[in-house]
Amino acid sequence: MSTLASLQMLLNSLNSTAPSNRADETANRSSAWCQGVFIPNELFLTLGLVSLVENVLVVTAIIKNRNLHSPMYYFICCLAVSDMLVSVSNLVETLFMLLMEHGVLVLQTSIVRQMDNVIDMMICSSVVSSLSFLGAIAVDRYITIFYALRYHSIMTMQRAVIIIVCIWVASTISSSIFIAYYKNNAVILCLVGFFLSTLILVVGLYIHMLSLAHHHAKNISSLQKKRTVHQMTSMKGAVTLTILLGVFFVCWSPFFLHLTLIVTCPKNPFCTCFFNYFNLFLILIICNSVIDPLIYAFRSQELRKTLKDVVLYHPRQVCVQPGL
């Protein structure tokens, strides 16, 4: 299973240039560790299906419940769509691989390469858009806490839509460039740099939000009670963002480390062994798409109830604006 075929092609070309004696030496020293982990296509297929169903339910629930029609939930909806890109690309490639392995489907090499490029583009769009929407949610929560009275004038629906459109356009363009110039180390480093810079931005915003919450916890009074309740609701959204970011970091970090090692030490024995775990990194990426919807439902009672209604086909009327 190789979802990012272009990266795998690069890895194979780099490995093929390594001296054979070095490869033999590495195999003798750590043959067991360097063998990687065998992951059957059926597992990719199962996780892909589960992730697709979960994220479709999240998108449907947000569309159905008008009380969830807010900038933050629109960003969450787009984050679910980003996860769906991973699921769809994984399902399509796994199905084609299974059909080709059993001789049911025969395709020309040129067609297979074109399909790989499309799937790789979907994966790259997913990672760029996911990071961008995590950043958008962080900024949205920051504005909610520090500019509570002006929030609705700052983060209007029109601005939220513009942000969403810009993110998707930028993700599509950047992923196209990445696939076209995947052999250029500068392109790979740009992707890694974007991952690290977004992580630093979100962590910095959250630390600032935590410091505010800690400050107000020491100065709560009867006159501040109403404002404090609002800020605690906003902090709940910030905590949800932290959980999402933590899961994203755990699931995607090995992949970004993989990219970094391709640039920095492609022929190093340790790096070569690390490359053999590429399929495991892909499983972690798909697991991120499976876990995210569970976080949404666990953290938001309103969304959880709407998801239940969607699954059970129960229409329900809602009238309270929820907090994540």
C-alpha atoms as a PDB file:
ATOM      1  CA  MET A   1       0.000   0.000   0.000  1.00  0.00           C
ATOM      2  CA  SER A   2       1.530   3.364  -1.042  1.00  0.00           C
ATOM      3  CA  THR A   3      -0.803   6.296  -0.913  1.00  0.00           C
ATOM      4  CA  LEU A   4       1.854   8.880  -1.681  1.00  0.00           C
ATOM      5  CA  ALA A   5       3.244   7.115  -4.704  1.00  0.00           C
ATOM      6  CA  SER A   6       5.445  10.013  -5.712  1.00  0.00           C
ATOM      7  CA  LEU A   7       7.231  10.009  -2.365  1.00  0.00           C
ATOM      8  CA  GLN A   8       7.573   6.269  -2.464  1.00  0.00           C
ATOM      9  CA  MET A   9       9.045   6.505  -5.984  1.00  0.00           C
ATOM     10  CA  LEU A  10      11.542   9.033  -4.677  1.00  0.00           C
ATOM     11  CA  LEU A  11      12.385   6.769  -1.782  1.00  0.00           C
ATOM     12  CA  ASN A  12      12.888   3.785  -4.094  1.00  0.00           C
ATOM     13  CA  SER A  13      15.170   5.800  -6.358  1.00  0.00           C
ATOM     14  CA  LEU A  14      17.235   6.936  -3.397  1.00  0.00           C
ATOM     15  CA  ASN A  15      17.472   3.422  -2.021  1.00  0.00           C
ATOM     16  CA  SER A  16      18.509   2.064  -5.378  1.00  0.00           C
ATOM     17  CA  THR A  17      21.517   4.375  -5.461  1.00  0.00           C
ATOM     18  CA  ALA A  18      22.832   3.202  -2.108  1.00  0.00           C
ATOM     19  CA  PRO A  19      25.828   0.864  -2.187  1.00  0.00           C
ATOM     20  CA  SER A  20      24.877  -2.791  -1.929  1.00  0.00           C
ATOM     21  CA  ASN A  21      27.423  -3.493   0.783  1.00  0.00           C
ATOM     22  CA  ARG A  22      25.893  -0.792   2.963  1.00  0.00           C
ATOM     23  CA  ALA A  23      22.473  -2.338   2.472  1.00  0.00           C
ATOM     24  CA  ASP A  24      23.848  -5.752   3.396  1.00  0.00           C
ATOM     25  CA  GLU A  25      25.548  -4.329   6.465  1.00  0.00           C
ATOM     26  CA  THR A  26      22.355  -2.627   7.601  1.00  0.00           C
ATOM     27  CA  ALA A  27      20.370  -5.815   7.072  1.00  0.00           C
ATOM     28  CA  ASN A  28      22.819  -7.806   9.144  1.00  0.00           C
ATOM     29  CA  ARG A  29      22.851  -5.321  12.011  1.00  0.00           C
ATOM     30  CA  SER A  30      19.161  -4.689  12.364  1.00  0.00           C
ATOM     31  CA  SER A  31      17.347  -6.967   9.955  1.00  0.00           C
ATOM     32  CA  ALA A  32      14.386  -7.475  12.249  1.00  0.00           C
ATOM     33  CA  TRP A  33      13.841  -3.767  12.898  1.00  0.00           C
ATOM     34  CA  CYS A  34      14.348  -2.855   9.251  1.00  0.00           C
ATOM     35  CA  GLN A  35      11.721  -5.248   7.977  1.00  0.00           C
ATOM     36  CA  GLY A  36       8.957  -2.803   8.797  1.00  0.00           C
ATOM     37  CA  VAL A  37       5.385  -3.803   9.579  1.00  0.00           C
ATOM     38  CA  PHE A  38       3.140  -5.733   7.229  1.00  0.00           C
ATOM     39  CA  ILE A  39      -0.291  -4.139   7.031  1.00  0.00           C
ATOM     40  CA  PRO A  40      -2.931  -5.904   4.907  1.00  0.00           C
ATOM     41  CA  ASN A  41      -4.953  -3.939   2.388  1.00  0.00           C
ATOM     42  CA  GLU A  42      -8.103  -5.063   4.174  1.00  0.00           C
ATOM     43  CA  LEU A  43      -7.137  -2.938   7.194  1.00  0.00           C
ATOM     44  CA  PHE A  44      -6.684   0.122   4.999  1.00  0.00           C
ATOM     45  CA  LEU A  45     -10.059  -0.583   3.425  1.00  0.00           C
ATOM     46  CA  THR A  46     -11.836  -1.030   6.771  1.00  0.00           C
ATOM     47  CA  LEU A  47     -10.385   2.099   8.363  1.00  0.00           C
ATOM     48  CA  GLY A  48     -11.115   4.083   5.224  1.00  0.00           C
ATOM     49  CA  LEU A  49     -14.766   3.037   5.250  1.00  0.00           C
ATOM     50  CA  VAL A  50     -15.179   3.810   8.958  1.00  0.00           C
ATOM     51  CA  SER A  51     -13.552   7.217   8.553  1.00  0.00           C
ATOM     52  CA  LEU A  52     -15.660   8.065   5.513  1.00  0.00           C
ATOM     53  CA  VAL A  53     -18.933   7.166   7.250  1.00  0.00           C
ATOM     54  CA  GLU A  54     -18.010   9.085  10.410  1.00  0.00           C
ATOM     55  CA  ASN A  55     -17.034  12.275   8.614  1.00  0.00           C
ATOM     56  CA  VAL A  56     -20.057  12.166   6.313  1.00  0.00           C
ATOM     57  CA  LEU A  57     -22.233  11.991   9.435  1.00  0.00           C
ATOM     58  CA  VAL A  58     -20.431  15.002  10.945  1.00  0.00           C
ATOM     59  CA  VAL A  59     -20.890  17.075   7.781  1.00  0.00           C
ATOM     60  CA  THR A  60     -24.551  16.023   7.539  1.00  0.00           C
ATOM     61  CA  ALA A  61     -25.190  16.905  11.194  1.00  0.00           C
ATOM     62  CA  ILE A  62     -23.669  20.371  10.840  1.00  0.00           C
ATOM     63  CA  ILE A  63     -25.696  21.035   7.698  1.00  0.00           C
ATOM     64  CA  LYS A  64     -28.898  19.769   9.309  1.00  0.00           C
ATOM     65  CA  ASN A  65     -28.724  21.694  12.589  1.00  0.00           C
ATOM     66  CA  ARG A  66     -29.041  25.437  11.990  1.00  0.00           C
ATOM     67  CA  ASN A  67     -27.667  26.172  15.435  1.00  0.00           C
ATOM     68  CA  LEU A  68     -24.385  24.728  14.207  1.00  0.00           C
ATOM     69  CA  HIS A  69     -24.247  27.226  11.346  1.00  0.00           C
ATOM     70  CA  SER A  70     -21.492  29.341  12.873  1.00  0.00           C
ATOM     71  CA  PRO A  71     -17.948  30.118  11.646  1.00  0.00           C
ATOM     72  CA  MET A  72     -16.355  27.681  14.102  1.00  0.00           C
ATOM     73  CA  TYR A  73     -18.575  24.783  13.058  1.00  0.00           C
ATOM     74  CA  TYR A  74     -18.091  25.642   9.399  1.00  0.00           C
ATOM     75  CA  PHE A  75     -14.352  25.308   9.972  1.00  0.00           C
ATOM     76  CA  ILE A  76     -14.963  21.986  11.731  1.00  0.00           C
ATOM     77  CA  CYS A  77     -17.121  20.874   8.812  1.00  0.00           C
ATOM     78  CA  CYS A  78     -14.276  21.678   6.409  1.00  0.00           C
ATOM     79  CA  LEU A  79     -11.866  19.820   8.680  1.00  0.00           C
ATOM     80  CA  ALA A  80     -14.157  16.794   8.368  1.00  0.00           C
ATOM     81  CA  VAL A  81     -14.118  17.202   4.571  1.00  0.00           C
ATOM     82  CA  SER A  82     -10.306  17.219   4.707  1.00  0.00           C
ATOM     83  CA  ASP A  83     -10.439  13.928   6.595  1.00  0.00           C
ATOM     84  CA  MET A  84     -12.831  12.617   3.957  1.00  0.00           C
ATOM     85  CA  LEU A  85     -10.204  13.294   1.295  1.00  0.00           C
ATOM     86  CA  VAL A  86      -7.859  10.936   3.112  1.00  0.00           C
ATOM     87  CA  SER A  87     -10.605   8.318   3.400  1.00  0.00           C
ATOM     88  CA  VAL A  88     -11.696   8.536  -0.240  1.00  0.00           C
ATOM     89  CA  SER A  89      -8.141   8.452  -1.599  1.00  0.00           C
ATOM     90  CA  ASN A  90      -7.341   5.473   0.616  1.00  0.00           C
ATOM     91  CA  LEU A  91     -10.493   3.598  -0.429  1.00  0.00           C
ATOM     92  CA  VAL A  92      -9.994   4.250  -4.133  1.00  0.00           C
ATOM     93  CA  GLU A  93      -6.365   3.167  -4.163  1.00  0.00           C
ATOM     94  CA  THR A  94      -6.966   0.108  -1.982  1.00  0.00           C
ATOM     95  CA  LEU A  95      -9.858  -1.066  -4.143  1.00  0.00           C
ATOM     96  CA  PHE A  96      -7.848  -0.641  -7.328  1.00  0.00           C
ATOM     97  CA  MET A  97      -4.874  -2.462  -5.827  1.00  0.00           C
ATOM     98  CA  LEU A  98      -7.037  -5.384  -4.732  1.00  0.00           C
ATOM     99  CA  LEU A  99      -8.689  -5.593  -8.136  1.00  0.00           C
ATOM    100  CA  MET A 100      -5.325  -5.469  -9.915  1.00  0.00           C
ATOM    101  CA  GLU A 101      -3.782  -8.052  -7.578  1.00  0.00           C
ATOM    102  CA  HIS A 102      -6.599 -10.510  -8.333  1.00  0.00           C
ATOM    103  CA  GLY A 103      -6.423  -9.850 -12.084  1.00  0.00           C
ATOM    104  CA  VAL A 104      -9.914  -8.391 -12.213  1.00  0.00           C
ATOM    105  CA  LEU A 105      -8.672  -5.020 -13.434  1.00  0.00           C
ATOM    106  CA  VAL A 106      -5.835  -4.420 -15.890  1.00  0.00           C
ATOM    107  CA  LEU A 107      -4.603  -0.877 -16.402  1.00  0.00           C
ATOM    108  CA  GLN A 108      -1.812   0.658 -18.430  1.00  0.00           C
ATOM    109  CA  THR A 109       1.170   2.068 -16.581  1.00  0.00           C
ATOM    110  CA  SER A 110       0.402   5.616 -17.722  1.00  0.00           C
ATOM    111  CA  ILE A 111      -3.133   5.405 -16.323  1.00  0.00           C
ATOM    112  CA  VAL A 112      -1.860   4.057 -13.012  1.00  0.00           C
ATOM    113  CA  ARG A 113       0.580   6.962 -12.726  1.00  0.00           C
ATOM    114  CA  GLN A 114      -2.172   9.478 -13.438  1.00  0.00           C
ATOM    115  CA  MET A 115      -4.342   7.879 -10.762  1.00  0.00           C
ATOM    116  CA  ASP A 116      -1.444   8.010  -8.311  1.00  0.00           C
ATOM    117  CA  ASN A 117      -1.006  11.720  -9.015  1.00  0.00           C
ATOM    118  CA  VAL A 118      -4.681  12.408  -8.354  1.00  0.00           C
ATOM    119  CA  ILE A 119      -4.623  10.403  -5.121  1.00  0.00           C
ATOM    120  CA  ASP A 120      -1.389  12.057  -4.005  1.00  0.00           C
ATOM    121  CA  MET A 121      -2.906  15.455  -4.699  1.00  0.00           C
ATOM    122  CA  MET A 122      -5.902  14.594  -2.522  1.00  0.00           C
ATOM    123  CA  ILE A 123      -3.619  13.554   0.329  1.00  0.00           C
ATOM    124  CA  CYS A 124      -1.518  16.723   0.075  1.00  0.00           C
ATOM    125  CA  SER A 125      -4.656  18.876  -0.103  1.00  0.00           C
ATOM    126  CA  SER A 126      -5.902  17.130   3.002  1.00  0.00           C
ATOM    127  CA  VAL A 127      -2.820  17.832   5.095  1.00  0.00           C
ATOM    128  CA  VAL A 128      -2.533  21.481   4.005  1.00  0.00           C
ATOM    129  CA  SER A 129      -6.253  22.164   4.474  1.00  0.00           C
ATOM    130  CA  SER A 130      -6.347  20.312   7.815  1.00  0.00           C
ATOM    131  CA  LEU A 131      -3.496  22.405   9.189  1.00  0.00           C
ATOM    132  CA  SER A 132      -5.079  25.573   7.835  1.00  0.00           C
ATOM    133  CA  PHE A 133      -8.486  24.860   9.353  1.00  0.00           C
ATOM    134  CA  LEU A 134      -6.910  23.973  12.694  1.00  0.00           C
ATOM    135  CA  GLY A 135      -5.246  27.359  12.547  1.00  0.00           C
ATOM    136  CA  ALA A 136      -8.548  29.008  11.583  1.00  0.00           C
ATOM    137  CA  ILE A 137     -10.310  27.377  14.545  1.00  0.00           C
ATOM    138  CA  ALA A 138      -7.517  28.564  16.847  1.00  0.00           C
ATOM    139  CA  VAL A 139      -7.847  32.160  15.627  1.00  0.00           C
ATOM    140  CA  ASP A 140     -11.648  31.926  15.924  1.00  0.00           C
ATOM    141  CA  ARG A 141     -11.402  30.791  19.566  1.00  0.00           C
ATOM    142  CA  TYR A 142      -8.812  33.484  20.261  1.00  0.00           C
ATOM    143  CA  ILE A 143     -11.137  36.199  18.960  1.00  0.00           C
ATOM    144  CA  THR A 144     -14.030  34.740  20.955  1.00  0.00           C
ATOM    145  CA  ILE A 145     -12.072  35.011  24.201  1.00  0.00           C
ATOM    146  CA  PHE A 146     -10.168  38.269  23.762  1.00  0.00           C
ATOM    147  CA  TYR A 147     -12.714  40.183  21.683  1.00  0.00           C
ATOM    148  CA  ALA A 148     -15.953  38.675  22.941  1.00  0.00           C
ATOM    149  CA  LEU A 149     -18.106  41.786  22.475  1.00  0.00           C
ATOM    150  CA  ARG A 150     -16.854  42.351  18.924  1.00  0.00           C
ATOM    151  CA  TYR A 151     -16.724  38.703  17.854  1.00  0.00           C
ATOM    152  CA  HIS A 152     -19.797  38.754  15.602  1.00  0.00           C
ATOM    153  CA  SER A 153     -18.589  41.887  13.844  1.00  0.00           C
ATOM    154  CA  ILE A 154     -15.071  40.541  13.382  1.00  0.00           C
ATOM    155  CA  MET A 155     -15.798  36.935  12.435  1.00  0.00           C
ATOM    156  CA  THR A 156     -18.808  37.360  10.159  1.00  0.00           C
ATOM    157  CA  MET A 157     -20.212  34.545   8.060  1.00  0.00           C
ATOM    158  CA  GLN A 158     -19.041  36.311   4.923  1.00  0.00           C
ATOM    159  CA  ARG A 159     -15.472  36.474   6.198  1.00  0.00           C
ATOM    160  CA  ALA A 160     -15.631  32.856   7.293  1.00  0.00           C
ATOM    161  CA  VAL A 161     -16.714  31.808   3.795  1.00  0.00           C
ATOM    162  CA  ILE A 162     -13.901  33.857   2.248  1.00  0.00           C
ATOM    163  CA  ILE A 163     -11.392  32.197   4.582  1.00  0.00           C
ATOM    164  CA  ILE A 164     -12.731  28.747   3.689  1.00  0.00           C
ATOM    165  CA  VAL A 165     -12.537  29.427  -0.060  1.00  0.00           C
ATOM    166  CA  CYS A 166      -8.999  30.811   0.227  1.00  0.00           C
ATOM    167  CA  ILE A 167      -7.848  27.774   2.214  1.00  0.00           C
ATOM    168  CA  TRP A 168      -9.235  25.310  -0.313  1.00  0.00           C
ATOM    169  CA  VAL A 169      -7.782  27.207  -3.278  1.00  0.00           C
ATOM    170  CA  ALA A 170      -4.384  27.474  -1.597  1.00  0.00           C
ATOM    171  CA  SER A 171      -4.474  23.784  -0.643  1.00  0.00           C
ATOM    172  CA  THR A 172      -5.264  22.740  -4.202  1.00  0.00           C
ATOM    173  CA  ILE A 173      -2.544  24.901  -5.729  1.00  0.00           C
ATOM    174  CA  SER A 174       0.106  23.900  -3.189  1.00  0.00           C
ATOM    175  CA  SER A 175      -0.693  20.189  -3.539  1.00  0.00           C
ATOM    176  CA  SER A 176      -0.431  20.467  -7.333  1.00  0.00           C
ATOM    177  CA  ILE A 177       2.974  22.103  -6.998  1.00  0.00           C
ATOM    178  CA  PHE A 178       4.097  19.448  -4.527  1.00  0.00           C
ATOM    179  CA  ILE A 179       3.138  16.593  -6.865  1.00  0.00           C
ATOM    180  CA  ALA A 180       4.704  18.297  -9.888  1.00  0.00           C
ATOM    181  CA  TYR A 181       8.012  19.014  -8.119  1.00  0.00           C
ATOM    182  CA  TYR A 182       8.127  16.249  -5.520  1.00  0.00           C
ATOM    183  CA  LYS A 183      11.805  15.573  -6.307  1.00  0.00           C
ATOM    184  CA  ASN A 184      12.743  19.122  -5.307  1.00  0.00           C
ATOM    185  CA  ASN A 185      13.919  19.176  -1.704  1.00  0.00           C
ATOM    186  CA  ALA A 186      12.806  22.791  -1.304  1.00  0.00           C
ATOM    187  CA  VAL A 187       9.176  21.781  -1.918  1.00  0.00           C
ATOM    188  CA  ILE A 188       9.350  19.048   0.711  1.00  0.00           C
ATOM    189  CA  LEU A 189      10.958  21.405   3.214  1.00  0.00           C
ATOM    190  CA  CYS A 190       8.244  23.993   2.562  1.00  0.00           C
ATOM    191  CA  LEU A 191       5.590  21.430   3.467  1.00  0.00           C
ATOM    192  CA  VAL A 192       7.439  20.471   6.646  1.00  0.00           C
ATOM    193  CA  GLY A 193       7.971  24.130   7.484  1.00  0.00           C
ATOM    194  CA  PHE A 194       4.262  24.831   7.054  1.00  0.00           C
ATOM    195  CA  PHE A 195       3.476  22.007   9.469  1.00  0.00           C
ATOM    196  CA  LEU A 196       5.867  23.353  12.114  1.00  0.00           C
ATOM    197  CA  SER A 197       4.840  27.005  11.710  1.00  0.00           C
ATOM    198  CA  THR A 198       1.136  26.178  12.035  1.00  0.00           C
ATOM    199  CA  LEU A 199       1.860  24.065  15.093  1.00  0.00           C
ATOM    200  CA  ILE A 200       3.800  26.930  16.708  1.00  0.00           C
ATOM    201  CA  LEU A 201       1.017  29.414  15.890  1.00  0.00           C
ATOM    202  CA  VAL A 202      -1.747  27.288  17.390  1.00  0.00           C
ATOM    203  CA  VAL A 203       0.282  26.412  20.492  1.00  0.00           C
ATOM    204  CA  GLY A 204       1.177  30.069  21.008  1.00  0.00           C
ATOM    205  CA  LEU A 205      -2.457  31.174  20.757  1.00  0.00           C
ATOM    206  CA  TYR A 206      -3.578  28.462  23.131  1.00  0.00           C
ATOM    207  CA  ILE A 207      -0.931  29.339  25.738  1.00  0.00           C
ATOM    208  CA  HIS A 208      -2.137  32.933  25.613  1.00  0.00           C
ATOM    209  CA  MET A 209      -5.758  31.767  26.040  1.00  0.00           C
ATOM    210  CA  LEU A 210      -4.783  29.590  28.983  1.00  0.00           C
ATOM    211  CA  SER A 211      -2.987  32.496  30.644  1.00  0.00           C
ATOM    212  CA  LEU A 212      -6.137  34.596  30.334  1.00  0.00           C
ATOM    213  CA  ALA A 213      -8.277  31.838  31.830  1.00  0.00           C
ATOM    214  CA  HIS A 214      -5.835  31.477  34.722  1.00  0.00           C
ATOM    215  CA  HIS A 215      -5.875  35.223  35.317  1.00  0.00           C
ATOM    216  CA  HIS A 216      -9.673  35.404  35.400  1.00  0.00           C
ATOM    217  CA  ALA A 217      -9.876  32.369  37.668  1.00  0.00           C
ATOM    218  CA  LYS A 218      -8.107  34.444  40.331  1.00  0.00           C
ATOM    219  CA  ASN A 219     -10.315  37.500  39.850  1.00  0.00           C
ATOM    220  CA  ILE A 220     -13.826  36.113  39.578  1.00  0.00           C
ATOM    221  CA  SER A 221     -16.460  38.345  41.114  1.00  0.00           C
ATOM    222  CA  SER A 222     -20.223  38.700  40.916  1.00  0.00           C
ATOM    223  CA  LEU A 223     -19.904  41.496  38.354  1.00  0.00           C
ATOM    224  CA  GLN A 224     -17.764  39.328  36.122  1.00  0.00           C
ATOM    225  CA  LYS A 225     -19.863  36.177  36.385  1.00  0.00           C
ATOM    226  CA  LYS A 226     -21.697  36.591  33.095  1.00  0.00           C
ATOM    227  CA  ARG A 227     -18.518  37.337  31.210  1.00  0.00           C
ATOM    228  CA  THR A 228     -16.732  34.472  32.914  1.00  0.00           C
ATOM    229  CA  VAL A 229     -19.384  31.974  31.837  1.00  0.00           C
ATOM    230  CA  HIS A 230     -18.954  33.125  28.237  1.00  0.00           C
ATOM    231  CA  GLN A 231     -15.185  32.795  28.474  1.00  0.00           C
ATOM    232  CA  MET A 232     -15.417  29.332  29.996  1.00  0.00           C
ATOM    233  CA  THR A 233     -17.589  28.263  27.051  1.00  0.00           C
ATOM    234  CA  SER A 234     -14.982  29.667  24.695  1.00  0.00           C
ATOM    235  CA  MET A 235     -12.230  27.891  26.628  1.00  0.00           C
ATOM    236  CA  LYS A 236     -14.106  24.625  26.135  1.00  0.00           C
ATOM    237  CA  GLY A 237     -13.700  25.195  22.405  1.00  0.00           C
ATOM    238  CA  ALA A 238     -10.014  25.931  22.945  1.00  0.00           C
ATOM    239  CA  VAL A 239      -9.606  22.647  24.839  1.00  0.00           C
ATOM    240  CA  THR A 240     -11.305  20.810  21.973  1.00  0.00           C
ATOM    241  CA  LEU A 241      -8.871  22.477  19.590  1.00  0.00           C
ATOM    242  CA  THR A 242      -5.977  21.289  21.754  1.00  0.00           C
ATOM    243  CA  ILE A 243      -7.215  17.701  21.608  1.00  0.00           C
ATOM    244  CA  LEU A 244      -7.621  17.899  17.823  1.00  0.00           C
ATOM    245  CA  LEU A 245      -4.159  19.401  17.447  1.00  0.00           C
ATOM    246  CA  GLY A 246      -2.601  16.794  19.738  1.00  0.00           C
ATOM    247  CA  VAL A 247      -4.140  13.913  17.790  1.00  0.00           C
ATOM    248  CA  PHE A 248      -3.110  15.520  14.503  1.00  0.00           C
ATOM    249  CA  PHE A 249       0.466  15.939  15.725  1.00  0.00           C
ATOM    250  CA  VAL A 250       0.740  12.332  16.946  1.00  0.00           C
ATOM    251  CA  CYS A 251      -0.738  10.878  13.746  1.00  0.00           C
ATOM    252  CA  TRP A 252       1.031  13.081  11.203  1.00  0.00           C
ATOM    253  CA  SER A 253       4.441  13.671  12.834  1.00  0.00           C
ATOM    254  CA  PRO A 254       5.967  10.347  11.690  1.00  0.00           C
ATOM    255  CA  PHE A 255       4.981  11.191   8.115  1.00  0.00           C
ATOM    256  CA  PHE A 256       6.578  14.647   8.300  1.00  0.00           C
ATOM    257  CA  LEU A 257       9.666  13.117   9.906  1.00  0.00           C
ATOM    258  CA  HIS A 258       9.699  10.708   6.959  1.00  0.00           C
ATOM    259  CA  LEU A 259       9.740  13.696   4.571  1.00  0.00           C
ATOM    260  CA  THR A 260      12.488  15.387   6.545  1.00  0.00           C
ATOM    261  CA  LEU A 261      14.697  12.288   6.513  1.00  0.00           C
ATOM    262  CA  ILE A 262      14.232  11.921   2.752  1.00  0.00           C
ATOM    263  CA  VAL A 263      15.890  15.315   2.386  1.00  0.00           C
ATOM    264  CA  THR A 264      18.488  15.129   5.162  1.00  0.00           C
ATOM    265  CA  CYS A 265      19.715  11.509   5.210  1.00  0.00           C
ATOM    266  CA  PRO A 266      18.320   9.433   2.319  1.00  0.00           C
ATOM    267  CA  LYS A 267      21.229   6.948   2.379  1.00  0.00           C
ATOM    268  CA  ASN A 268      21.775   6.691   6.122  1.00  0.00           C
ATOM    269  CA  PRO A 269      21.163   3.103   7.384  1.00  0.00           C
ATOM    270  CA  PHE A 270      18.925   4.303  10.204  1.00  0.00           C
ATOM    271  CA  CYS A 271      16.876   6.457   7.838  1.00  0.00           C
ATOM    272  CA  THR A 272      16.589   3.607   5.369  1.00  0.00           C
ATOM    273  CA  CYS A 273      15.125   1.397   8.073  1.00  0.00           C
ATOM    274  CA  PHE A 274      12.759   4.175   9.120  1.00  0.00           C
ATOM    275  CA  PHE A 275      11.471   4.426   5.542  1.00  0.00           C
ATOM    276  CA  ASN A 276      10.314   0.808   5.708  1.00  0.00           C
ATOM    277  CA  TYR A 277       7.600   1.829   8.188  1.00  0.00           C
ATOM    278  CA  PHE A 278       5.882   4.076   5.647  1.00  0.00           C
ATOM    279  CA  ASN A 279       2.723   1.939   5.639  1.00  0.00           C
ATOM    280  CA  LEU A 280       2.466   2.317   9.410  1.00  0.00           C
ATOM    281  CA  PHE A 281       2.620   6.089   9.015  1.00  0.00           C
ATOM    282  CA  LEU A 282      -0.237   5.897   6.513  1.00  0.00           C
ATOM    283  CA  ILE A 283      -2.303   3.914   9.004  1.00  0.00           C
ATOM    284  CA  LEU A 284      -1.716   6.623  11.612  1.00  0.00           C
ATOM    285  CA  ILE A 285      -2.894   9.271   9.131  1.00  0.00           C
ATOM    286  CA  ILE A 286      -6.098   7.332   8.473  1.00  0.00           C
ATOM    287  CA  CYS A 287      -6.575   6.827  12.218  1.00  0.00           C
ATOM    288  CA  ASN A 288      -6.517  10.611  12.599  1.00  0.00           C
ATOM    289  CA  SER A 289      -9.495  10.779  10.247  1.00  0.00           C
ATOM    290  CA  VAL A 290     -11.257   8.136  12.336  1.00  0.00           C
ATOM    291  CA  ILE A 291     -10.575   9.813  15.694  1.00  0.00           C
ATOM    292  CA  ASP A 292     -11.500  13.400  14.790  1.00  0.00           C
ATOM    293  CA  PRO A 293     -15.288  12.802  14.478  1.00  0.00           C
ATOM    294  CA  LEU A 294     -15.249  11.055  17.862  1.00  0.00           C
ATOM    295  CA  ILE A 295     -13.655  14.162  19.383  1.00  0.00           C
ATOM    296  CA  TYR A 296     -16.319  16.407  17.841  1.00  0.00           C
ATOM    297  CA  ALA A 297     -19.119  14.253  19.257  1.00  0.00           C
ATOM    298  CA  PHE A 298     -17.496  13.831  22.664  1.00  0.00           C
ATOM    299  CA  ARG A 299     -16.857  17.545  23.162  1.00  0.00           C
ATOM    300  CA  SER A 300     -20.134  18.957  21.792  1.00  0.00           C
ATOM    301  CA  GLN A 301     -23.423  17.809  23.267  1.00  0.00           C
ATOM    302  CA  GLU A 302     -25.414  19.599  20.571  1.00  0.00           C
ATOM    303  CA  LEU A 303     -23.465  17.919  17.784  1.00  0.00           C
ATOM    304  CA  ARG A 304     -23.707  14.572  19.557  1.00  0.00           C
ATOM    305  CA  LYS A 305     -27.498  14.843  19.737  1.00  0.00           C
ATOM    306  CA  THR A 306     -27.721  15.865  16.097  1.00  0.00           C
ATOM    307  CA  LEU A 307     -25.539  12.939  15.062  1.00  0.00           C
ATOM    308  CA  LYS A 308     -27.880  10.626  16.935  1.00  0.00           C
ATOM    309  CA  ASP A 309     -30.840  12.131  15.114  1.00  0.00           C
ATOM    310  CA  VAL A 310     -29.096  11.722  11.759  1.00  0.00           C
ATOM    311  CA  VAL A 311     -28.316   8.055  12.435  1.00  0.00           C
ATOM    312  CA  LEU A 312     -31.817   7.291  13.742  1.00  0.00           C
ATOM    313  CA  TYR A 313     -33.580   9.553  11.206  1.00  0.00           C
ATOM    314  CA  HIS A 314     -35.260  11.547  13.962  1.00  0.00           C
ATOM    315  CA  PRO A 315     -36.066  15.162  13.057  1.00  0.00           C
ATOM    316  CA  ARG A 316     -35.636  17.529  15.958  1.00  0.00           C
ATOM    317  CA  GLN A 317     -36.067  21.233  16.579  1.00  0.00           C
ATOM    318  CA  VAL A 318     -33.203  23.122  18.169  1.00  0.00           C
ATOM    319  CA  CYS A 319     -33.195  26.622  19.555  1.00  0.00           C
ATOM    320  CA  VAL A 320     -30.072  27.069  21.645  1.00  0.00           C
ATOM    321  CA  GLN A 321     -26.755  28.208  20.237  1.00  0.00           C
ATOM    322  CA  PRO A 322     -24.224  25.586  21.376  1.00  0.00           C
ATOM    323  CA  GLY A 323     -20.664  25.872  22.469  1.00  0.00           C
ATOM    324  CA  LEU A 324     -18.092  23.323  21.415  1.00  0.00           C
END
